[in-house]
């Protein structure tokens, strides 16, 4: 049986950040004024090796983990990533491996990732309009190559591709309907994400959040939608389908409609820290015991088991406009989304 936390939530999902680096500077994640040319990114020796990631994942699988999500930073800037995917795909108990990416490097890697054992891909795309998208990613990257990456993933067999759009008031809320229009009648699933207070550098304010209800209403006013049942317990996105049969969308409402009670996700940062919540202020060092030759897999398992059993995170349920900005939290670029 999977290891459970204080609230009885099982450890089933592991998100693995393979790098803290990214070739974009999205304003809500890695704003250029902080993550500029002089920002001290992790040295290679500080990152977990593929062998270390694989060993830890094998231990996590023994504790109940069945699904993996590879994140960053931008995971495809980590050299030879398909090699890691193949190593992870051969671990007993792992049933699903997903990659979250900005898709800028996906055209040249999609087939190799599939051949290595990748099951699914999620692409971050916050606007379909070039000017808006360039303003969001802040490196002048156009939409076209991202769409090419989505199609490359689709052609390689990673269907349906999930497309994530973070919605922030004053940034891209005008793209809610145009994004829906583009991805309707395609095999891909567009998912809208409320702007969250991850990390400490994105200037989050509650007033900047376009709520799930507002997103639903904006789409429903143009193309009527109706709710769908979750695919599985703990699914983060609320699912909807167009009543005209043009496909489905999802809305992730971490701010206005928290789903802490069903969260089964642990996060492994690129330098080997274990975080039990996306909004955690404290990580647990796994790299030191991992690199200690005297520590075996059962001892690693006991460390992880002990951390998870004490887990009581439910930040999104406790969040208020006054307290949220005051708590130090790990940056998204270290633990993925």
Protein backbone atom coordinates (compact mmCIF):
# COMPACT_ATOMS: atom_id res chain seq x y z
CA UNK A 1 0.00 0.00 0.00
CA UNK A 2 1.21 3.50 -0.77
CA UNK A 3 2.71 5.54 2.06
CA UNK A 4 0.17 8.04 3.46
CA UNK A 5 0.52 11.45 5.06
CA UNK A 6 -1.22 12.87 8.16
CA UNK A 7 -4.44 13.40 6.21
CA UNK A 8 -4.39 9.96 4.59
CA UNK A 9 -3.19 11.23 1.20
CA UNK A 10 -1.14 8.53 -0.55
CA UNK A 11 2.24 9.13 -2.20
CA UNK A 12 1.48 8.30 -5.84
CA UNK A 13 2.99 11.00 -8.07
CA UNK A 14 6.56 12.26 -8.30
CA UNK A 15 7.56 15.41 -10.16
CA UNK A 16 11.24 15.45 -11.01
CA UNK A 17 13.01 18.70 -11.88
CA UNK A 18 16.09 17.91 -13.94
CA UNK A 19 17.41 21.48 -14.21
CA UNK A 20 16.78 24.94 -12.76
CA UNK A 21 17.66 26.56 -16.11
CA UNK A 22 15.27 27.69 -18.82
CA UNK A 23 15.61 29.41 -22.19
CA UNK A 24 12.47 31.51 -21.52
CA UNK A 25 12.02 34.24 -18.90
CA UNK A 26 8.27 34.09 -18.37
CA UNK A 27 7.19 37.02 -16.23
CA UNK A 28 5.18 34.90 -13.77
CA UNK A 29 7.90 32.27 -13.26
CA UNK A 30 11.45 33.46 -14.00
CA UNK A 31 11.26 37.27 -14.43
CA UNK A 32 14.31 38.64 -16.19
CA UNK A 33 15.04 41.28 -13.54
CA UNK A 34 15.77 38.45 -11.08
CA UNK A 35 16.85 35.56 -13.32
CA UNK A 36 19.17 37.68 -15.44
CA UNK A 37 22.64 37.01 -16.86
CA UNK A 38 24.23 37.15 -13.40
CA UNK A 39 21.79 34.81 -11.66
CA UNK A 40 23.69 31.94 -9.93
CA UNK A 41 22.16 28.84 -11.49
CA UNK A 42 23.17 25.47 -10.08
CA UNK A 43 26.53 24.05 -11.12
CA UNK A 44 26.48 20.67 -12.85
CA UNK A 45 27.95 18.90 -9.80
CA UNK A 46 25.02 20.17 -7.70
CA UNK A 47 22.45 18.54 -9.98
CA UNK A 48 21.43 14.96 -9.43
CA UNK A 49 22.89 12.65 -12.06
CA UNK A 50 20.61 10.46 -14.16
CA UNK A 51 21.78 7.47 -12.13
CA UNK A 52 20.93 9.22 -8.86
CA UNK A 53 17.50 10.25 -10.15
CA UNK A 54 16.85 6.69 -11.27
CA UNK A 55 17.89 5.23 -7.93
CA UNK A 56 15.67 7.63 -6.01
CA UNK A 57 12.76 6.99 -8.35
CA UNK A 58 13.11 3.26 -7.79
CA UNK A 59 12.89 3.92 -4.04
CA UNK A 60 9.83 6.14 -4.55
CA UNK A 61 8.20 3.41 -6.65
CA UNK A 62 8.63 1.05 -3.72
CA UNK A 63 6.67 3.53 -1.59
CA UNK A 64 3.75 3.71 -3.99
CA UNK A 65 4.69 6.18 -6.73
CA UNK A 66 3.22 5.18 -10.09
CA UNK A 67 3.33 8.39 -12.14
CA UNK A 68 6.31 10.60 -13.00
CA UNK A 69 6.39 14.10 -14.43
CA UNK A 70 9.72 15.43 -15.72
CA UNK A 71 10.02 19.19 -15.27
CA UNK A 72 12.51 22.03 -14.87
CA UNK A 73 13.21 24.83 -15.54
CA UNK A 74 12.95 23.68 -19.11
CA UNK A 75 13.78 19.96 -18.98
CA UNK A 76 14.89 19.75 -22.60
CA UNK A 77 17.88 22.00 -21.93
CA UNK A 78 19.27 19.09 -19.88
CA UNK A 79 21.56 17.19 -22.21
CA UNK A 80 20.63 13.64 -23.25
CA UNK A 81 17.23 13.70 -21.52
CA UNK A 82 15.90 10.70 -23.52
CA UNK A 83 18.53 8.58 -21.76
CA UNK A 84 16.94 9.42 -18.41
CA UNK A 85 13.45 8.69 -19.76
CA UNK A 86 14.59 5.23 -20.84
CA UNK A 87 16.15 4.55 -17.43
CA UNK A 88 12.97 5.59 -15.63
CA UNK A 89 10.71 3.64 -17.99
CA UNK A 90 12.46 0.43 -16.95
CA UNK A 91 11.63 0.81 -13.25
CA UNK A 92 9.12 -1.73 -11.94
CA UNK A 93 5.90 -0.05 -10.82
CA UNK A 94 6.20 3.09 -12.93
CA UNK A 95 3.13 3.22 -15.16
CA UNK A 96 3.20 6.71 -16.69
CA UNK A 97 5.92 9.25 -17.57
CA UNK A 98 4.99 12.78 -18.63
CA UNK A 99 7.12 15.74 -19.68
CA UNK A 100 6.26 19.40 -19.11
CA UNK A 101 8.00 21.67 -21.62
CA UNK A 102 7.79 25.04 -23.36
CA UNK A 103 8.13 23.01 -26.61
CA UNK A 104 10.87 25.23 -28.04
CA UNK A 105 13.17 22.21 -28.38
CA UNK A 106 10.47 19.59 -28.86
CA UNK A 107 10.62 19.23 -32.67
CA UNK A 108 14.14 17.76 -32.56
CA UNK A 109 13.51 15.58 -29.48
CA UNK A 110 9.91 14.31 -29.69
CA UNK A 111 10.58 11.03 -31.48
CA UNK A 112 13.60 10.16 -29.33
CA UNK A 113 11.55 10.80 -26.19
CA UNK A 114 8.77 8.51 -27.40
CA UNK A 115 11.27 5.83 -28.38
CA UNK A 116 12.75 6.08 -24.87
CA UNK A 117 9.38 5.45 -23.23
CA UNK A 118 7.73 8.84 -22.70
CA UNK A 119 3.95 8.45 -22.48
CA UNK A 120 2.59 11.99 -22.51
CA UNK A 121 3.62 15.63 -22.89
CA UNK A 122 2.28 18.91 -21.53
CA UNK A 123 3.19 22.11 -23.35
CA UNK A 124 3.14 25.55 -21.72
CA UNK A 125 1.62 28.16 -24.05
CA UNK A 126 0.13 31.32 -22.56
CA UNK A 127 -1.15 33.07 -25.69
CA UNK A 128 -1.86 32.40 -29.34
CA UNK A 129 -1.12 36.00 -30.31
CA UNK A 130 2.55 36.58 -31.09
CA UNK A 131 2.84 39.96 -29.38
CA UNK A 132 1.19 38.77 -26.18
CA UNK A 133 3.20 35.54 -26.11
CA UNK A 134 6.49 37.37 -26.67
CA UNK A 135 5.64 39.74 -23.82
CA UNK A 136 4.95 36.79 -21.52
CA UNK A 137 8.07 34.73 -22.34
CA UNK A 138 10.19 37.92 -22.46
CA UNK A 139 12.77 36.48 -24.87
CA UNK A 140 10.92 37.45 -28.04
CA UNK A 141 10.04 33.82 -28.85
CA UNK A 142 7.14 33.57 -31.34
CA UNK A 143 4.16 31.23 -31.11
CA UNK A 144 4.91 29.38 -34.37
CA UNK A 145 7.78 27.18 -33.13
CA UNK A 146 5.74 26.17 -30.06
CA UNK A 147 2.88 25.06 -32.31
CA UNK A 148 5.45 23.12 -34.37
CA UNK A 149 6.58 21.44 -31.18
CA UNK A 150 3.01 20.46 -30.34
CA UNK A 151 2.53 18.95 -33.79
CA UNK A 152 5.88 17.14 -33.57
CA UNK A 153 4.77 15.56 -30.29
CA UNK A 154 1.43 14.62 -31.81
CA UNK A 155 3.04 13.06 -34.88
CA UNK A 156 5.37 11.07 -32.62
CA UNK A 157 2.32 9.57 -30.90
CA UNK A 158 2.05 11.70 -27.75
CA UNK A 159 -1.71 12.22 -28.07
CA UNK A 160 -3.55 14.03 -26.77
CA UNK A 161 -1.05 16.83 -26.11
CA UNK A 162 -2.11 18.89 -23.11
CA UNK A 163 -1.56 22.63 -23.50
CA UNK A 164 -1.33 24.69 -20.31
CA UNK A 165 -2.21 28.40 -20.29
CA UNK A 166 -1.50 30.38 -17.11
CA UNK A 167 -4.03 33.23 -16.98
CA UNK A 168 -3.04 36.47 -15.27
CA UNK A 169 -5.14 39.62 -15.23
CA UNK A 170 -3.47 42.41 -17.16
CA UNK A 171 -1.19 39.94 -18.92
CA UNK A 172 -3.18 37.61 -21.15
CA UNK A 173 -6.81 37.26 -20.03
CA UNK A 174 -7.79 38.54 -23.48
CA UNK A 175 -6.37 35.30 -24.89
CA UNK A 176 -8.80 32.96 -23.11
CA UNK A 177 -11.27 32.80 -26.01
CA UNK A 178 -8.69 32.97 -28.87
CA UNK A 179 -6.79 30.05 -27.33
CA UNK A 180 -10.02 28.06 -27.07
CA UNK A 181 -10.84 28.89 -30.66
CA UNK A 182 -7.45 27.66 -31.89
CA UNK A 183 -7.48 24.34 -30.03
CA UNK A 184 -11.15 23.48 -30.50
CA UNK A 185 -11.64 20.64 -32.97
CA UNK A 186 -8.03 19.47 -32.48
CA UNK A 187 -6.95 16.32 -30.61
CA UNK A 188 -5.20 18.49 -28.03
CA UNK A 189 -6.61 19.45 -24.61
CA UNK A 190 -6.27 23.08 -23.54
CA UNK A 191 -6.05 23.65 -19.80
CA UNK A 192 -6.34 27.04 -18.12
CA UNK A 193 -4.43 27.61 -14.87
CA UNK A 194 -5.22 30.31 -12.33
CA UNK A 195 -2.22 32.57 -11.64
CA UNK A 196 -0.61 31.14 -8.48
CA UNK A 197 1.72 32.55 -5.84
CA UNK A 198 4.50 30.04 -6.49
CA UNK A 199 7.87 31.24 -5.28
CA UNK A 200 8.72 34.77 -4.23
CA UNK A 201 9.62 36.57 -7.44
CA UNK A 202 6.45 36.85 -9.54
CA UNK A 203 4.79 39.71 -7.63
CA UNK A 204 1.61 37.68 -7.02
CA UNK A 205 -1.51 39.53 -5.91
CA UNK A 206 -4.96 38.04 -5.42
CA UNK A 207 -6.36 40.82 -7.62
CA UNK A 208 -4.34 39.43 -10.56
CA UNK A 209 -6.16 36.08 -10.45
CA UNK A 210 -8.73 35.38 -13.15
CA UNK A 211 -10.82 32.76 -11.38
CA UNK A 212 -11.93 29.41 -12.74
CA UNK A 213 -15.53 30.65 -12.71
CA UNK A 214 -14.59 33.69 -14.79
CA UNK A 215 -12.70 31.52 -17.25
CA UNK A 216 -15.64 29.10 -17.51
CA UNK A 217 -18.06 31.96 -18.10
CA UNK A 218 -15.87 33.55 -20.79
CA UNK A 219 -15.78 30.33 -22.81
CA UNK A 220 -19.36 29.28 -22.12
CA UNK A 221 -20.60 32.62 -23.44
CA UNK A 222 -19.11 31.82 -26.86
CA UNK A 223 -19.26 28.01 -26.99
CA UNK A 224 -21.44 26.33 -24.34
CA UNK A 225 -19.59 23.80 -22.19
CA UNK A 226 -20.66 21.18 -19.67
CA UNK A 227 -18.72 19.41 -16.90
CA UNK A 228 -17.16 15.98 -17.28
CA UNK A 229 -16.32 13.43 -14.60
CA UNK A 230 -12.66 13.30 -13.49
CA UNK A 231 -10.48 10.70 -15.17
CA UNK A 232 -9.19 9.64 -11.75
CA UNK A 233 -9.27 10.64 -8.09
CA UNK A 234 -7.00 13.60 -7.44
CA UNK A 235 -7.01 14.95 -11.01
CA UNK A 236 -6.05 18.61 -10.71
CA UNK A 237 -8.01 19.92 -13.69
CA UNK A 238 -11.78 20.19 -13.71
CA UNK A 239 -12.87 18.84 -17.09
CA UNK A 240 -15.44 20.33 -19.46
CA UNK A 241 -16.57 19.47 -22.96
CA UNK A 242 -18.03 21.65 -25.66
CA UNK A 243 -21.67 20.75 -26.15
CA UNK A 244 -21.17 20.93 -29.93
CA UNK A 245 -18.67 18.04 -29.74
CA UNK A 246 -15.56 20.12 -30.49
CA UNK A 247 -13.45 18.56 -27.74
CA UNK A 248 -12.68 19.29 -24.12
CA UNK A 249 -10.87 21.80 -21.90
CA UNK A 250 -9.62 21.74 -18.34
CA UNK A 251 -9.39 24.41 -15.65
CA UNK A 252 -6.92 24.21 -12.76
CA UNK A 253 -8.24 26.30 -9.88
CA UNK A 254 -5.57 26.12 -7.19
CA UNK A 255 -6.49 29.57 -5.86
CA UNK A 256 -10.29 29.84 -5.97
CA UNK A 257 -11.18 26.14 -5.63
CA UNK A 258 -8.25 24.38 -3.89
CA UNK A 259 -7.75 20.65 -4.26
CA UNK A 260 -5.29 20.07 -1.40
CA UNK A 261 -7.43 17.27 0.04
CA UNK A 262 -6.66 14.96 -2.89
CA UNK A 263 -3.03 15.97 -3.56
CA UNK A 264 -0.76 12.93 -3.96
CA UNK A 265 2.29 14.71 -5.42
CA UNK A 266 5.86 14.89 -4.15
CA UNK A 267 8.45 17.08 -5.87
CA UNK A 268 12.14 16.34 -6.30
CA UNK A 269 14.14 19.50 -6.99
CA UNK A 270 17.06 19.41 -9.39
CA UNK A 271 19.60 19.63 -6.57
CA UNK A 272 18.03 16.69 -4.71
CA UNK A 273 15.67 18.32 -2.24
CA UNK A 274 12.28 16.73 -1.58
CA UNK A 275 9.35 19.14 -1.40
CA UNK A 276 5.92 17.95 -0.29
CA UNK A 277 3.99 20.93 -1.71
CA UNK A 278 4.32 23.29 -4.66
CA UNK A 279 4.15 26.15 -2.14
CA UNK A 280 6.54 24.61 0.38
CA UNK A 281 8.96 26.79 2.31
CA UNK A 282 11.19 23.92 3.29
CA UNK A 283 12.82 21.08 1.38
CA UNK A 284 14.37 17.87 2.70
CA UNK A 285 17.89 17.05 1.55
CA UNK A 286 18.08 13.68 -0.22
CA UNK A 287 21.29 14.37 -2.13
CA UNK A 288 23.55 14.04 0.94
CA UNK A 289 22.33 10.56 1.98
CA UNK A 290 22.11 9.56 -1.68
CA UNK A 291 25.82 10.31 -2.12
CA UNK A 292 26.77 8.60 1.14
CA UNK A 293 27.99 5.11 0.25
CA UNK A 294 26.94 3.84 3.67
CA UNK A 295 23.23 4.62 3.05
CA UNK A 296 21.33 1.85 1.28
CA UNK A 297 17.99 1.98 -0.52
CA UNK A 298 15.97 0.90 2.51
CA UNK A 299 17.48 3.72 4.55
CA UNK A 300 16.62 6.17 1.76
CA UNK A 301 13.10 4.78 1.75
CA UNK A 302 12.81 5.29 5.50
CA UNK A 303 13.91 8.93 5.15
CA UNK A 304 11.29 9.58 2.46
CA UNK A 305 8.64 7.62 4.34
CA UNK A 306 9.29 9.69 7.44
CA UNK A 307 8.97 12.97 5.56
CA UNK A 308 5.72 11.96 3.85
CA UNK A 309 4.11 10.59 7.00
CA UNK A 310 4.59 13.98 8.67
CA UNK A 311 3.22 15.89 5.67
CA UNK A 312 0.39 18.27 6.55
CA UNK A 313 0.59 20.73 3.65
CA UNK A 314 -2.66 22.37 2.54
CA UNK A 315 -1.40 25.81 1.60
CA UNK A 316 -4.02 26.60 -1.03
CA UNK A 317 -6.83 25.93 1.44
CA UNK A 318 -5.20 28.25 3.98
CA UNK A 319 -4.16 31.00 1.56
CA UNK A 320 -5.41 34.54 2.08
CA UNK A 321 -4.58 37.75 0.24
CA UNK A 322 -2.78 38.99 3.35
CA UNK A 323 -0.68 35.94 4.24
CA UNK A 324 0.19 34.46 0.84
CA UNK A 325 2.92 36.95 -0.15
CA UNK A 326 4.56 36.78 3.30
CA UNK A 327 5.61 33.12 3.31
CA UNK A 328 8.94 32.20 1.70
CA UNK A 329 8.31 29.54 -0.92
CA UNK A 330 10.51 27.53 -3.27
CA UNK A 331 10.73 28.94 -6.80
CA UNK A 332 8.82 27.12 -9.53
CA UNK A 333 12.00 26.91 -11.62
CA UNK A 334 13.43 24.56 -8.97
CA UNK A 335 10.50 22.16 -8.66
CA UNK A 336 8.44 22.55 -11.84
CA UNK A 337 4.72 23.30 -11.90
